[in-house]
């Protein structure tokens, strides 16, 4: 991870270890396949990252062909986000299970009137 301060005092933090084909998160929602970095004309900014969409934010596979780009400061390894999302979902699951127990809602009810 590169962590530096520009001459104007702005912090620039980005990962420059992505390899072509790595699954990453970006400024855009979902999960993307890394293509390359572009450093030209970026001055003190982080490089641009080029990528194609591979999955939407719910994990549905996308056959993304359009090449998109964003500042590398917005990009992280997808595994970090996925592990975080799974941990959040586990917490939600536990809370919902506790509601079922506390409210004695063990059996699902039919939507039809008796």
Protein backbone atom coordinates (compact mmCIF):
# COMPACT_ATOMS: atom_id res chain seq x y z
CA UNK A 1 0.00 0.00 0.00
CA UNK A 2 1.36 3.39 -0.98
CA UNK A 3 0.69 6.11 1.60
CA UNK A 4 2.13 9.55 0.91
CA UNK A 5 1.34 13.22 1.27
CA UNK A 6 1.32 15.61 -1.68
CA UNK A 7 3.08 18.96 -1.69
CA UNK A 8 -0.32 20.56 -0.95
CA UNK A 9 -0.80 18.35 2.12
CA UNK A 10 -3.30 15.86 0.68
CA UNK A 11 -2.98 12.23 1.70
CA UNK A 12 -2.75 9.74 -1.20
CA UNK A 13 -3.32 6.09 -0.26
CA UNK A 14 -3.55 3.28 -2.83
CA UNK A 15 -2.57 -0.31 -3.58
CA UNK A 16 -0.11 -0.73 -6.44
CA UNK A 17 0.18 -4.52 -6.22
CA UNK A 18 -2.81 -5.49 -8.40
CA UNK A 19 -2.04 -7.92 -11.22
CA UNK A 20 -4.09 -8.32 -14.42
CA UNK A 21 -7.12 -10.46 -13.64
CA UNK A 22 -7.23 -9.66 -9.90
CA UNK A 23 -10.72 -9.15 -8.51
CA UNK A 24 -11.05 -5.65 -7.02
CA UNK A 25 -13.60 -3.16 -5.74
CA UNK A 26 -13.63 0.33 -7.23
CA UNK A 27 -15.52 3.61 -7.12
CA UNK A 28 -18.26 1.84 -9.10
CA UNK A 29 -20.45 -0.74 -7.35
CA UNK A 30 -19.77 -4.45 -7.75
CA UNK A 31 -16.60 -6.46 -8.26
CA UNK A 32 -14.23 -5.88 -11.16
CA UNK A 33 -11.29 -7.49 -13.01
CA UNK A 34 -8.17 -5.35 -12.91
CA UNK A 35 -6.55 -4.64 -16.28
CA UNK A 36 -3.79 -2.08 -15.73
CA UNK A 37 -2.53 1.10 -14.08
CA UNK A 38 -1.96 4.37 -15.93
CA UNK A 39 0.52 6.80 -14.41
CA UNK A 40 0.80 9.35 -17.23
CA UNK A 41 -0.25 12.93 -16.51
CA UNK A 42 -1.31 12.10 -12.94
CA UNK A 43 1.10 14.45 -11.20
CA UNK A 44 1.01 13.70 -7.47
CA UNK A 45 -2.31 11.86 -7.72
CA UNK A 46 -2.73 8.11 -7.50
CA UNK A 47 -2.62 6.35 -10.88
CA UNK A 48 -5.75 5.48 -12.81
CA UNK A 49 -6.94 1.88 -12.62
CA UNK A 50 -8.59 0.26 -15.66
CA UNK A 51 -10.97 -2.66 -15.18
CA UNK A 52 -14.06 -4.51 -16.41
CA UNK A 53 -17.09 -5.45 -14.33
CA UNK A 54 -17.17 -9.14 -13.25
CA UNK A 55 -19.97 -9.29 -10.62
CA UNK A 56 -22.69 -6.96 -9.42
CA UNK A 57 -22.78 -5.93 -5.74
CA UNK A 58 -24.94 -9.00 -4.91
CA UNK A 59 -22.47 -11.43 -6.45
CA UNK A 60 -24.30 -12.03 -9.74
CA UNK A 61 -21.80 -12.70 -12.54
CA UNK A 62 -21.70 -9.98 -15.19
CA UNK A 63 -20.11 -10.39 -18.60
CA UNK A 64 -18.61 -6.92 -18.53
CA UNK A 65 -16.79 -5.92 -21.68
CA UNK A 66 -16.74 -2.16 -21.24
CA UNK A 67 -13.47 -0.93 -19.82
CA UNK A 68 -14.00 1.52 -16.96
CA UNK A 69 -11.51 3.50 -14.90
CA UNK A 70 -11.16 5.35 -11.64
CA UNK A 71 -8.49 6.73 -9.35
CA UNK A 72 -6.53 3.95 -7.62
CA UNK A 73 -7.34 5.50 -4.24
CA UNK A 74 -10.87 4.07 -4.63
CA UNK A 75 -9.67 0.50 -5.36
CA UNK A 76 -9.15 -2.37 -2.92
CA UNK A 77 -8.87 -6.14 -3.13
CA UNK A 78 -12.33 -7.70 -3.42
CA UNK A 79 -11.53 -10.33 -0.79
CA UNK A 80 -11.32 -7.58 1.87
CA UNK A 81 -14.81 -6.30 0.99
CA UNK A 82 -16.30 -9.79 0.69
CA UNK A 83 -15.02 -10.84 4.12
CA UNK A 84 -16.37 -7.61 5.62
CA UNK A 85 -19.78 -8.09 3.93
CA UNK A 86 -20.00 -11.69 5.17
CA UNK A 87 -19.22 -10.59 8.74
CA UNK A 88 -21.94 -7.91 8.51
CA UNK A 89 -24.45 -10.45 7.19
CA UNK A 90 -23.62 -12.84 10.03
CA UNK A 91 -24.37 -10.08 12.56
CA UNK A 92 -27.70 -9.35 10.85
CA UNK A 93 -28.55 -13.06 10.81
CA UNK A 94 -27.90 -13.34 14.55
CA UNK A 95 -30.09 -10.31 15.28
CA UNK A 96 -32.94 -11.71 13.17
CA UNK A 97 -32.67 -15.11 14.84
CA UNK A 98 -32.85 -13.40 18.23
CA UNK A 99 -36.07 -11.65 17.17
CA UNK A 100 -37.60 -15.01 16.23
CA UNK A 101 -36.71 -16.46 19.63
CA UNK A 102 -37.75 -13.41 21.68
CA UNK A 103 -41.03 -12.99 19.87
CA UNK A 104 -41.68 -16.74 19.69
CA UNK A 105 -42.00 -16.57 15.92
CA UNK A 106 -40.55 -20.00 15.23
CA UNK A 107 -43.06 -21.04 12.59
CA UNK A 108 -43.58 -19.10 9.38
CA UNK A 109 -47.18 -18.00 8.89
CA UNK A 110 -49.22 -18.43 5.77
CA UNK A 111 -50.15 -15.26 3.88
CA UNK A 112 -53.71 -16.48 3.33
CA UNK A 113 -56.56 -15.57 5.66
CA UNK A 114 -58.31 -18.41 7.57
